[in-house]
PDB file of N, CA and C in Angstrom:
ATOM      1  N   UNK A   1       8.769   7.562  21.247  1.00  0.00           N
ATOM      2  CA  UNK A   1       7.998   6.432  21.517  1.00  0.00           C
ATOM      3  C   UNK A   1       7.778   6.537  19.910  1.00  0.00           C
ATOM      4  N   UNK A   2       7.391   4.664  19.755  1.00  0.00           N
ATOM      5  CA  UNK A   2       7.024   3.860  18.092  1.00  0.00           C
ATOM      6  C   UNK A   2       5.864   4.211  18.278  1.00  0.00           C
ATOM      7  N   UNK A   3       5.672   4.201  17.077  1.00  0.00           N
ATOM      8  CA  UNK A   3       3.943   4.334  16.314  1.00  0.00           C
ATOM      9  C   UNK A   3       3.338   2.846  16.752  1.00  0.00           C
ATOM     10  N   UNK A   4       2.712   2.403  17.560  1.00  0.00           N
ATOM     11  CA  UNK A   4       2.092   1.502  17.565  1.00  0.00           C
ATOM     12  C   UNK A   4       0.278   1.379  16.998  1.00  0.00           C
ATOM     13  N   UNK A   5      -0.031   0.377  15.723  1.00  0.00           N
ATOM     14  CA  UNK A   5      -1.286   0.096  15.028  1.00  0.00           C
ATOM     15  C   UNK A   5      -1.860  -1.243  15.714  1.00  0.00           C
ATOM     16  N   UNK A   6      -2.742  -0.981  16.326  1.00  0.00           N
ATOM     17  CA  UNK A   6      -4.087  -1.956  16.286  1.00  0.00           C
ATOM     18  C   UNK A   6      -4.109  -2.643  15.239  1.00  0.00           C
ATOM     19  N   UNK A   7      -4.621  -4.255  14.940  1.00  0.00           N
ATOM     20  CA  UNK A   7      -5.433  -4.541  13.596  1.00  0.00           C
ATOM     21  C   UNK A   7      -5.874  -5.842  14.680  1.00  0.00           C
ATOM     22  N   UNK A   8      -6.914  -6.407  13.525  1.00  0.00           N
ATOM     23  CA  UNK A   8      -8.001  -7.150  14.144  1.00  0.00           C
ATOM     24  C   UNK A   8      -8.479  -8.250  13.214  1.00  0.00           C
ATOM     25  N   UNK A   9      -8.791  -8.951  12.974  1.00  0.00           N
ATOM     26  CA  UNK A   9      -9.884 -10.159  11.988  1.00  0.00           C
ATOM     27  C   UNK A   9     -11.182  -9.326  12.362  1.00  0.00           C
ATOM     28  N   UNK A  10     -12.086  -9.599  11.510  1.00  0.00           N
ATOM     29  CA  UNK A  10     -13.849  -8.741  12.105  1.00  0.00           C
ATOM     30  C   UNK A  10     -14.106  -9.750  12.852  1.00  0.00           C
ATOM     31  N   UNK A  11     -14.031 -11.291  13.512  1.00  0.00           N
ATOM     32  CA  UNK A  11     -14.461 -11.106  14.850  1.00  0.00           C
ATOM     33  C   UNK A  11     -13.940 -11.252  16.127  1.00  0.00           C
ATOM     34  N   UNK A  12     -12.502 -10.541  15.595  1.00  0.00           N
ATOM     35  CA  UNK A  12     -11.836 -10.200  16.981  1.00  0.00           C
ATOM     36  C   UNK A  12     -11.204 -11.238  17.636  1.00  0.00           C
ATOM     37  N   UNK A  13     -11.173 -12.343  17.158  1.00  0.00           N
ATOM     38  CA  UNK A  13     -10.619 -13.757  17.509  1.00  0.00           C
ATOM     39  C   UNK A  13      -9.137 -13.282  17.241  1.00  0.00           C
ATOM     40  N   UNK A  14      -8.372 -13.119  16.010  1.00  0.00           N
ATOM     41  CA  UNK A  14      -6.556 -12.595  16.417  1.00  0.00           C
ATOM     42  C   UNK A  14      -6.873 -11.350  15.772  1.00  0.00           C
ATOM     43  N   UNK A  15      -5.976 -11.105  16.917  1.00  0.00           N
ATOM     44  CA  UNK A  15      -5.718  -9.298  17.346  1.00  0.00           C
ATOM     45  C   UNK A  15      -4.010  -9.565  16.973  1.00  0.00           C
ATOM     46  N   UNK A  16      -3.586  -8.217  16.282  1.00  0.00           N
ATOM     47  CA  UNK A  16      -2.100  -7.763  16.388  1.00  0.00           C
ATOM     48  C   UNK A  16      -1.766  -6.322  16.678  1.00  0.00           C
ATOM     49  N   UNK A  17      -0.285  -6.245  16.955  1.00  0.00           N
ATOM     50  CA  UNK A  17      -0.166  -4.679  17.219  1.00  0.00           C
ATOM     51  C   UNK A  17       1.126  -4.795  16.250  1.00  0.00           C
ATOM     52  N   UNK A  18       0.710  -3.622  15.435  1.00  0.00           N
ATOM     53  CA  UNK A  18       2.082  -3.251  14.527  1.00  0.00           C
ATOM     54  C   UNK A  18       2.966  -2.275  15.215  1.00  0.00           C
ATOM     55  N   UNK A  19       4.056  -2.934  15.261  1.00  0.00           N
ATOM     56  CA  UNK A  19       4.707  -1.623  16.391  1.00  0.00           C
ATOM     57  C   UNK A  19       5.782  -0.991  15.152  1.00  0.00           C
ATOM     58  N   UNK A  20       5.806   0.359  15.142  1.00  0.00           N
ATOM     59  CA  UNK A  20       7.409   0.844  13.825  1.00  0.00           C
ATOM     60  C   UNK A  20       6.450   1.803  13.052  1.00  0.00           C
ATOM     61  N   UNK A  21       7.345   2.305  12.203  1.00  0.00           N
ATOM     62  CA  UNK A  21       6.609   3.321  11.346  1.00  0.00           C
ATOM     63  C   UNK A  21       6.676   2.265  10.034  1.00  0.00           C
ATOM     64  N   UNK A  22       5.613   2.099   8.920  1.00  0.00           N
ATOM     65  CA  UNK A  22       5.418   1.067   7.670  1.00  0.00           C
ATOM     66  C   UNK A  22       6.810   1.869   6.767  1.00  0.00           C
ATOM     67  N   UNK A  23       7.269   0.926   6.098  1.00  0.00           N
ATOM     68  CA  UNK A  23       8.491   1.326   5.302  1.00  0.00           C
ATOM     69  C   UNK A  23       7.800   1.474   4.157  1.00  0.00           C
ATOM     70  N   UNK A  24       6.777   1.232   3.601  1.00  0.00           N
ATOM     71  CA  UNK A  24       5.937   1.515   1.995  1.00  0.00           C
ATOM     72  C   UNK A  24       4.273   0.943   2.261  1.00  0.00           C
ATOM     73  N   UNK A  25       3.671   1.612   1.732  1.00  0.00           N
ATOM     74  CA  UNK A  25       2.186   1.342   1.391  1.00  0.00           C
ATOM     75  C   UNK A  25       2.219   1.996   0.193  1.00  0.00           C
ATOM     76  N   UNK A  26       1.492   0.786  -0.163  1.00  0.00           N
ATOM     77  CA  UNK A  26       0.961   1.341  -1.681  1.00  0.00           C
ATOM     78  C   UNK A  26      -0.444   0.443  -1.905  1.00  0.00           C
ATOM     79  N   UNK A  27      -1.094   0.841  -2.898  1.00  0.00           N
ATOM     80  CA  UNK A  27      -2.228  -0.380  -3.864  1.00  0.00           C
ATOM     81  C   UNK A  27      -1.657  -1.108  -4.155  1.00  0.00           C
ATOM     82  N   UNK A  28      -1.519  -2.346  -4.056  1.00  0.00           N
ATOM     83  CA  UNK A  28      -1.190  -3.666  -4.572  1.00  0.00           C
ATOM     84  C   UNK A  28      -1.682  -4.014  -5.545  1.00  0.00           C
ATOM     85  N   UNK A  29      -1.794  -4.301  -6.756  1.00  0.00           N
ATOM     86  CA  UNK A  29      -2.562  -4.900  -8.035  1.00  0.00           C
ATOM     87  C   UNK A  29      -2.048  -6.182  -8.230  1.00  0.00           C
ATOM     88  N   UNK A  30      -1.234  -6.640  -7.775  1.00  0.00           N
ATOM     89  CA  UNK A  30      -0.138  -7.951  -8.475  1.00  0.00           C
ATOM     90  C   UNK A  30      -1.201  -9.291  -7.981  1.00  0.00           C
ATOM     91  N   UNK A  31      -1.146 -10.088  -8.978  1.00  0.00           N
ATOM     92  CA  UNK A  31      -2.281 -11.321  -8.542  1.00  0.00           C
ATOM     93  C   UNK A  31      -1.355 -12.122  -7.566  1.00  0.00           C
ATOM     94  N   UNK A  32      -0.431 -12.209  -7.213  1.00  0.00           N
ATOM     95  CA  UNK A  32       0.377 -13.187  -5.778  1.00  0.00           C
ATOM     96  C   UNK A  32      -0.030 -12.379  -4.584  1.00  0.00           C
ATOM     97  N   UNK A  33      -0.592 -10.898  -4.600  1.00  0.00           N
ATOM     98  CA  UNK A  33      -0.320 -10.200  -3.340  1.00  0.00           C
ATOM     99  C   UNK A  33      -2.195 -10.600  -3.126  1.00  0.00           C
ATOM    100  N   UNK A  34      -2.842 -10.600  -4.047  1.00  0.00           N
ATOM    101  CA  UNK A  34      -4.162 -11.145  -4.111  1.00  0.00           C
ATOM    102  C   UNK A  34      -3.932 -12.782  -3.301  1.00  0.00           C
ATOM    103  N   UNK A  35      -3.427 -13.103  -3.397  1.00  0.00           N
ATOM    104  CA  UNK A  35      -3.262 -14.670  -3.049  1.00  0.00           C
ATOM    105  C   UNK A  35      -2.819 -15.031  -1.613  1.00  0.00           C
ATOM    106  N   UNK A  36      -1.529 -14.574  -1.646  1.00  0.00           N
ATOM    107  CA  UNK A  36      -0.560 -15.077  -0.552  1.00  0.00           C
ATOM    108  C   UNK A  36       0.411 -13.456  -0.758  1.00  0.00           C
ATOM    109  N   UNK A  37       0.700 -13.218   0.885  1.00  0.00           N
ATOM    110  CA  UNK A  37       1.941 -12.130   0.832  1.00  0.00           C
ATOM    111  C   UNK A  37       3.178 -13.242   0.788  1.00  0.00           C
ATOM    112  N   UNK A  38       3.784 -13.431  -0.381  1.00  0.00           N
ATOM    113  CA  UNK A  38       5.254 -14.480  -0.282  1.00  0.00           C
ATOM    114  C   UNK A  38       6.428 -14.062   0.289  1.00  0.00           C
ATOM    115  N   UNK A  39       6.359 -12.263   0.520  1.00  0.00           N
ATOM    116  CA  UNK A  39       7.257 -11.790   1.001  1.00  0.00           C
ATOM    117  C   UNK A  39       8.489 -11.935   1.068  1.00  0.00           C
ATOM    118  N   UNK A  40       9.359 -10.652   1.123  1.00  0.00           N
ATOM    119  CA  UNK A  40      10.794 -10.456   1.084  1.00  0.00           C
ATOM    120  C   UNK A  40      11.395 -10.886   2.313  1.00  0.00           C
ATOM    121  N   UNK A  41      12.587 -11.204   2.188  1.00  0.00           N
ATOM    122  CA  UNK A  41      13.776 -11.810   3.979  1.00  0.00           C
ATOM    123  C   UNK A  41      13.672 -10.273   4.670  1.00  0.00           C
ATOM    124  N   UNK A  42      12.824 -10.603   5.831  1.00  0.00           N
ATOM    125  CA  UNK A  42      12.982 -10.119   6.899  1.00  0.00           C
ATOM    126  C   UNK A  42      11.841  -8.616   6.958  1.00  0.00           C
ATOM    127  N   UNK A  43      11.368  -8.988   6.352  1.00  0.00           N
ATOM    128  CA  UNK A  43      10.082  -7.687   6.026  1.00  0.00           C
ATOM    129  C   UNK A  43       8.831  -8.714   6.144  1.00  0.00           C
ATOM    130  N   UNK A  44       7.581  -7.744   6.865  1.00  0.00           N
ATOM    131  CA  UNK A  44       6.684  -8.480   7.132  1.00  0.00           C
ATOM    132  C   UNK A  44       5.195  -7.425   6.367  1.00  0.00           C
ATOM    133  N   UNK A  45       4.553  -8.268   5.709  1.00  0.00           N
ATOM    134  CA  UNK A  45       3.579  -7.379   4.987  1.00  0.00           C
ATOM    135  C   UNK A  45       2.057  -7.601   5.008  1.00  0.00           C
ATOM    136  N   UNK A  46       1.346  -6.800   5.728  1.00  0.00           N
ATOM    137  CA  UNK A  46       0.318  -6.646   6.213  1.00  0.00           C
ATOM    138  C   UNK A  46      -1.354  -5.551   5.370  1.00  0.00           C
ATOM    139  N   UNK A  47      -1.969  -6.817   4.957  1.00  0.00           N
ATOM    140  CA  UNK A  47      -3.231  -5.955   3.741  1.00  0.00           C
ATOM    141  C   UNK A  47      -3.955  -4.877   4.924  1.00  0.00           C
ATOM    142  N   UNK A  48      -3.936  -3.850   4.264  1.00  0.00           N
ATOM    143  CA  UNK A  48      -4.977  -2.317   5.145  1.00  0.00           C
ATOM    144  C   UNK A  48      -6.137  -2.742   5.824  1.00  0.00           C
ATOM    145  N   UNK A  49      -7.212  -4.077   5.239  1.00  0.00           N
ATOM    146  CA  UNK A  49      -7.623  -4.137   5.800  1.00  0.00           C
ATOM    147  C   UNK A  49      -7.686  -4.753   6.639  1.00  0.00           C
ATOM    148  N   UNK A  50      -6.596  -5.400   7.228  1.00  0.00           N
ATOM    149  CA  UNK A  50      -6.372  -6.036   8.913  1.00  0.00           C
ATOM    150  C   UNK A  50      -6.272  -5.186  10.174  1.00  0.00           C
ATOM    151  N   UNK A  51      -6.141  -3.518   9.453  1.00  0.00           N
ATOM    152  CA  UNK A  51      -5.695  -3.159  10.467  1.00  0.00           C
ATOM    153  C   UNK A  51      -6.883  -2.198  11.179  1.00  0.00           C
ATOM    154  N   UNK A  52      -6.853  -1.616  12.386  1.00  0.00           N
ATOM    155  CA  UNK A  52      -8.171  -1.557  12.640  1.00  0.00           C
ATOM    156  C   UNK A  52      -8.384   0.082  12.169  1.00  0.00           C
ATOM    157  N   UNK A  53      -7.580   0.848  12.039  1.00  0.00           N
ATOM    158  CA  UNK A  53      -7.843   2.241  11.211  1.00  0.00           C
ATOM    159  C   UNK A  53      -6.684   2.178  10.185  1.00  0.00           C
ATOM    160  N   UNK A  54      -7.379   1.669   8.997  1.00  0.00           N
ATOM    161  CA  UNK A  54      -6.969   1.963   7.893  1.00  0.00           C
ATOM    162  C   UNK A  54      -6.886   3.296   7.256  1.00  0.00           C
ATOM    163  N   UNK A  55      -7.380   4.585   7.780  1.00  0.00           N
ATOM    164  CA  UNK A  55      -7.300   5.922   6.784  1.00  0.00           C
ATOM    165  C   UNK A  55      -5.633   6.349   7.413  1.00  0.00           C
ATOM    166  N   UNK A  56      -5.507   5.550   8.572  1.00  0.00           N
ATOM    167  CA  UNK A  56      -3.968   6.124   8.600  1.00  0.00           C
ATOM    168  C   UNK A  56      -2.951   5.962   8.275  1.00  0.00           C
ATOM    169  N   UNK A  57      -3.116   4.664   7.192  1.00  0.00           N
ATOM    170  CA  UNK A  57      -2.143   4.332   5.982  1.00  0.00           C
ATOM    171  C   UNK A  57      -2.043   4.928   4.673  1.00  0.00           C
ATOM    172  N   UNK A  58      -1.459   5.873   4.235  1.00  0.00           N
ATOM    173  CA  UNK A  58      -1.880   6.374   2.738  1.00  0.00           C
ATOM    174  C   UNK A  58      -1.231   6.009   1.805  1.00  0.00           C
ATOM    175  N   UNK A  59      -1.263   5.339   1.044  1.00  0.00           N
ATOM    176  CA  UNK A  59      -0.880   5.071  -0.089  1.00  0.00           C
ATOM    177  C   UNK A  59       0.649   5.916  -0.923  1.00  0.00           C
ATOM    178  N   UNK A  60       1.286   5.446  -1.352  1.00  0.00           N
ATOM    179  CA  UNK A  60       2.007   6.305  -1.753  1.00  0.00           C
ATOM    180  C   UNK A  60       2.070   5.999  -3.506  1.00  0.00           C
ATOM    181  N   UNK A  61       1.416   5.120  -3.984  1.00  0.00           N
ATOM    182  CA  UNK A  61       1.444   4.323  -5.659  1.00  0.00           C
ATOM    183  C   UNK A  61       0.974   3.609  -5.539  1.00  0.00           C
ATOM    184  N   UNK A  62       0.924   2.712  -6.681  1.00  0.00           N
ATOM    185  CA  UNK A  62       0.414   1.623  -7.253  1.00  0.00           C
ATOM    186  C   UNK A  62       1.123   1.034  -7.998  1.00  0.00           C
ATOM    187  N   UNK A  63       0.735  -0.495  -7.341  1.00  0.00           N
ATOM    188  CA  UNK A  63       2.272  -1.255  -7.747  1.00  0.00           C
ATOM    189  C   UNK A  63       1.201  -2.727  -8.785  1.00  0.00           C
ATOM    190  N   UNK A  64       2.213  -2.980  -9.991  1.00  0.00           N
ATOM    191  CA  UNK A  64       1.187  -4.035 -10.404  1.00  0.00           C
ATOM    192  C   UNK A  64       0.200  -3.558 -11.063  1.00  0.00           C
ATOM    193  N   UNK A  65       0.514  -2.292 -12.057  1.00  0.00           N
ATOM    194  CA  UNK A  65      -0.980  -1.860 -12.204  1.00  0.00           C
ATOM    195  C   UNK A  65      -1.834  -2.415 -13.352  1.00  0.00           C
ATOM    196  N   UNK A  66      -0.576  -2.873 -14.207  1.00  0.00           N
ATOM    197  CA  UNK A  66      -0.926  -3.578 -15.453  1.00  0.00           C
ATOM    198  C   UNK A  66      -1.909  -4.890 -14.974  1.00  0.00           C
ATOM    199  N   UNK A  67      -1.712  -5.445 -13.744  1.00  0.00           N
ATOM    200  CA  UNK A  67      -2.536  -6.341 -13.297  1.00  0.00           C
ATOM    201  C   UNK A  67      -3.745  -5.905 -12.389  1.00  0.00           C
ATOM    202  N   UNK A  68      -3.829  -4.898 -12.197  1.00  0.00           N
ATOM    203  CA  UNK A  68      -5.479  -4.534 -11.839  1.00  0.00           C
ATOM    204  C   UNK A  68      -6.643  -5.103 -12.365  1.00  0.00           C
ATOM    205  N   UNK A  69      -7.704  -5.460 -11.732  1.00  0.00           N
ATOM    206  CA  UNK A  69      -8.831  -5.953 -11.868  1.00  0.00           C
ATOM    207  C   UNK A  69      -9.337  -5.017 -12.921  1.00  0.00           C
ATOM    208  N   UNK A  70     -10.267  -5.812 -13.577  1.00  0.00           N
ATOM    209  CA  UNK A  70     -10.365  -4.608 -14.583  1.00  0.00           C
ATOM    210  C   UNK A  70     -11.805  -3.735 -14.462  1.00  0.00           C
ATOM    211  N   UNK A  71     -12.569  -4.244 -13.134  1.00  0.00           N
ATOM    212  CA  UNK A  71     -13.269  -3.628 -12.615  1.00  0.00           C
ATOM    213  C   UNK A  71     -12.757  -1.835 -11.809  1.00  0.00           C
ATOM    214  N   UNK A  72     -11.214  -2.279 -11.685  1.00  0.00           N
ATOM    215  CA  UNK A  72     -10.711  -1.193 -10.810  1.00  0.00           C
ATOM    216  C   UNK A  72     -10.322   0.137 -11.734  1.00  0.00           C
ATOM    217  N   UNK A  73     -11.014   1.032 -11.365  1.00  0.00           N
ATOM    218  CA  UNK A  73     -10.757   2.948 -11.710  1.00  0.00           C
ATOM    219  C   UNK A  73     -10.404   3.304 -10.983  1.00  0.00           C
ATOM    220  N   UNK A  74      -9.234   4.505 -10.732  1.00  0.00           N
ATOM    221  CA  UNK A  74      -8.540   5.011  -9.632  1.00  0.00           C
ATOM    222  C   UNK A  74      -8.240   6.466 -10.263  1.00  0.00           C
ATOM    223  N   UNK A  75      -8.471   7.280  -9.914  1.00  0.00           N
ATOM    224  CA  UNK A  75      -8.161   8.719 -10.081  1.00  0.00           C
ATOM    225  C   UNK A  75      -7.360   9.711  -9.191  1.00  0.00           C
ATOM    226  N   UNK A  76      -6.322   9.124  -8.139  1.00  0.00           N
ATOM    227  CA  UNK A  76      -6.186   9.527  -6.863  1.00  0.00           C
ATOM    228  C   UNK A  76      -4.608  10.562  -7.316  1.00  0.00           C
ATOM    229  N   UNK A  77      -4.216  10.138  -8.462  1.00  0.00           N
ATOM    230  CA  UNK A  77      -3.074  11.186  -9.348  1.00  0.00           C
ATOM    231  C   UNK A  77      -1.627  10.627  -8.482  1.00  0.00           C
ATOM    232  N   UNK A  78      -1.917   8.913  -7.856  1.00  0.00           N
ATOM    233  CA  UNK A  78      -0.807   8.006  -7.698  1.00  0.00           C
ATOM    234  C   UNK A  78      -0.090   7.833  -8.550  1.00  0.00           C
ATOM    235  N   UNK A  79       1.583   7.687  -8.548  1.00  0.00           N
ATOM    236  CA  UNK A  79       2.134   6.961  -9.486  1.00  0.00           C
ATOM    237  C   UNK A  79       1.496   5.742  -9.781  1.00  0.00           C
ATOM    238  N   UNK A  80       1.809   5.221 -11.134  1.00  0.00           N
ATOM    239  CA  UNK A  80       1.515   3.831 -11.445  1.00  0.00           C
ATOM    240  C   UNK A  80       2.479   3.068 -12.122  1.00  0.00           C
ATOM    241  N   UNK A  81       3.106   2.044 -10.809  1.00  0.00           N
ATOM    242  CA  UNK A  81       4.265   1.295 -11.247  1.00  0.00           C
ATOM    243  C   UNK A  81       3.540   0.264 -12.279  1.00  0.00           C
ATOM    244  N   UNK A  82       4.006  -0.376 -13.442  1.00  0.00           N
ATOM    245  CA  UNK A  82       3.714  -1.627 -14.263  1.00  0.00           C
ATOM    246  C   UNK A  82       3.702  -2.985 -13.597  1.00  0.00           C
ATOM    247  N   UNK A  83       5.171  -2.771 -12.641  1.00  0.00           N
ATOM    248  CA  UNK A  83       5.709  -3.886 -12.106  1.00  0.00           C
ATOM    249  C   UNK A  83       5.389  -3.770 -10.514  1.00  0.00           C
ATOM    250  N   UNK A  84       6.721  -4.673  -9.694  1.00  0.00           N
ATOM    251  CA  UNK A  84       6.583  -4.250  -8.353  1.00  0.00           C
ATOM    252  C   UNK A  84       7.145  -2.844  -8.255  1.00  0.00           C
ATOM    253  N   UNK A  85       6.763  -2.490  -6.846  1.00  0.00           N
ATOM    254  CA  UNK A  85       7.429  -0.897  -6.738  1.00  0.00           C
ATOM    255  C   UNK A  85       8.586  -1.116  -5.598  1.00  0.00           C
ATOM    256  N   UNK A  86       9.340  -2.300  -5.091  1.00  0.00           N
ATOM    257  CA  UNK A  86      10.026  -2.705  -4.515  1.00  0.00           C
ATOM    258  C   UNK A  86      11.069  -4.265  -5.434  1.00  0.00           C
ATOM    259  N   UNK A  87      12.275  -4.419  -4.948  1.00  0.00           N
ATOM    260  CA  UNK A  87      12.810  -5.282  -5.102  1.00  0.00           C
ATOM    261  C   UNK A  87      12.006  -6.428  -4.904  1.00  0.00           C
ATOM    262  N   UNK A  88      12.180  -7.704  -5.683  1.00  0.00           N
ATOM    263  CA  UNK A  88      11.813  -8.720  -5.680  1.00  0.00           C
ATOM    264  C   UNK A  88      12.748 -10.600  -5.500  1.00  0.00           C
ATOM    265  N   UNK A  89      12.493 -11.283  -5.060  1.00  0.00           N
ATOM    266  CA  UNK A  89      13.117 -12.124  -5.249  1.00  0.00           C
ATOM    267  C   UNK A  89      12.657 -13.076  -6.613  1.00  0.00           C
ATOM    268  N   UNK A  90      13.993 -13.176  -7.400  1.00  0.00           N
ATOM    269  CA  UNK A  90      13.933 -13.532  -8.472  1.00  0.00           C
ATOM    270  C   UNK A  90      13.155 -15.227  -8.629  1.00  0.00           C
ATOM    271  N   UNK A  91      13.445 -16.307  -7.576  1.00  0.00           N
ATOM    272  CA  UNK A  91      13.276 -17.346  -7.165  1.00  0.00           C
ATOM    273  C   UNK A  91      11.367 -17.626  -6.820  1.00  0.00           C
ATOM    274  N   UNK A  92      10.734 -16.318  -6.565  1.00  0.00           N
ATOM    275  CA  UNK A  92       9.754 -16.961  -6.267  1.00  0.00           C
ATOM    276  C   UNK A  92       8.652 -17.305  -7.204  1.00  0.00           C
ATOM    277  N   UNK A  93       9.163 -16.590  -8.272  1.00  0.00           N
ATOM    278  CA  UNK A  93       7.902 -16.882  -9.094  1.00  0.00           C
ATOM    279  C   UNK A  93       6.378 -16.112  -9.177  1.00  0.00           C
ATOM    280  N   UNK A  94       5.700 -16.485 -10.197  1.00  0.00           N
ATOM    281  CA  UNK A  94       4.101 -15.778 -10.169  1.00  0.00           C
ATOM    282  C   UNK A  94       3.024 -16.753 -10.381  1.00  0.00           C
ATOM    283  N   UNK A  95       2.296 -16.376  -9.666  1.00  0.00           N
ATOM    284  CA  UNK A  95       1.235 -17.186  -9.362  1.00  0.00           C
ATOM    285  C   UNK A  95       0.479 -17.729 -11.133  1.00  0.00           C
ATOM    286  N   UNK A  96       0.481 -16.930 -11.964  1.00  0.00           N
ATOM    287  CA  UNK A  96      -0.037 -17.000 -13.066  1.00  0.00           C
ATOM    288  C   UNK A  96       0.772 -18.125 -13.724  1.00  0.00           C
ATOM    289  N   UNK A  97       2.024 -18.009 -13.334  1.00  0.00           N
ATOM    290  CA  UNK A  97       2.706 -19.053 -14.168  1.00  0.00           C
ATOM    291  C   UNK A  97       2.488 -20.937 -13.491  1.00  0.00           C
ATOM    292  N   UNK A  98       1.803 -20.604 -12.381  1.00  0.00           N
ATOM    293  CA  UNK A  98       1.840 -21.886 -11.620  1.00  0.00           C
ATOM    294  C   UNK A  98       0.988 -23.188 -12.042  1.00  0.00           C
TER     295      UNK A  98
END
């Protein structure tokens, strides 16, 4: 049986079910992911805050640690990647460059 994780917005007007195992869970500090998930082909990205049980999603690393907000201090021992933790389409660009 596949893993099924329910998700919803605050008021409950939008609901979803994520089916299957996540392929990657990380703290993403990048400026583009704070604005929008521009994504990679054939992949769907969801914010952990949308999930009904976010505690079931344990991050494996920090992505774009160099772009974290100045107030962010985390002593969780996870690896810190200065840039993306996965391959990125070169043509997407970066919000800070627009």
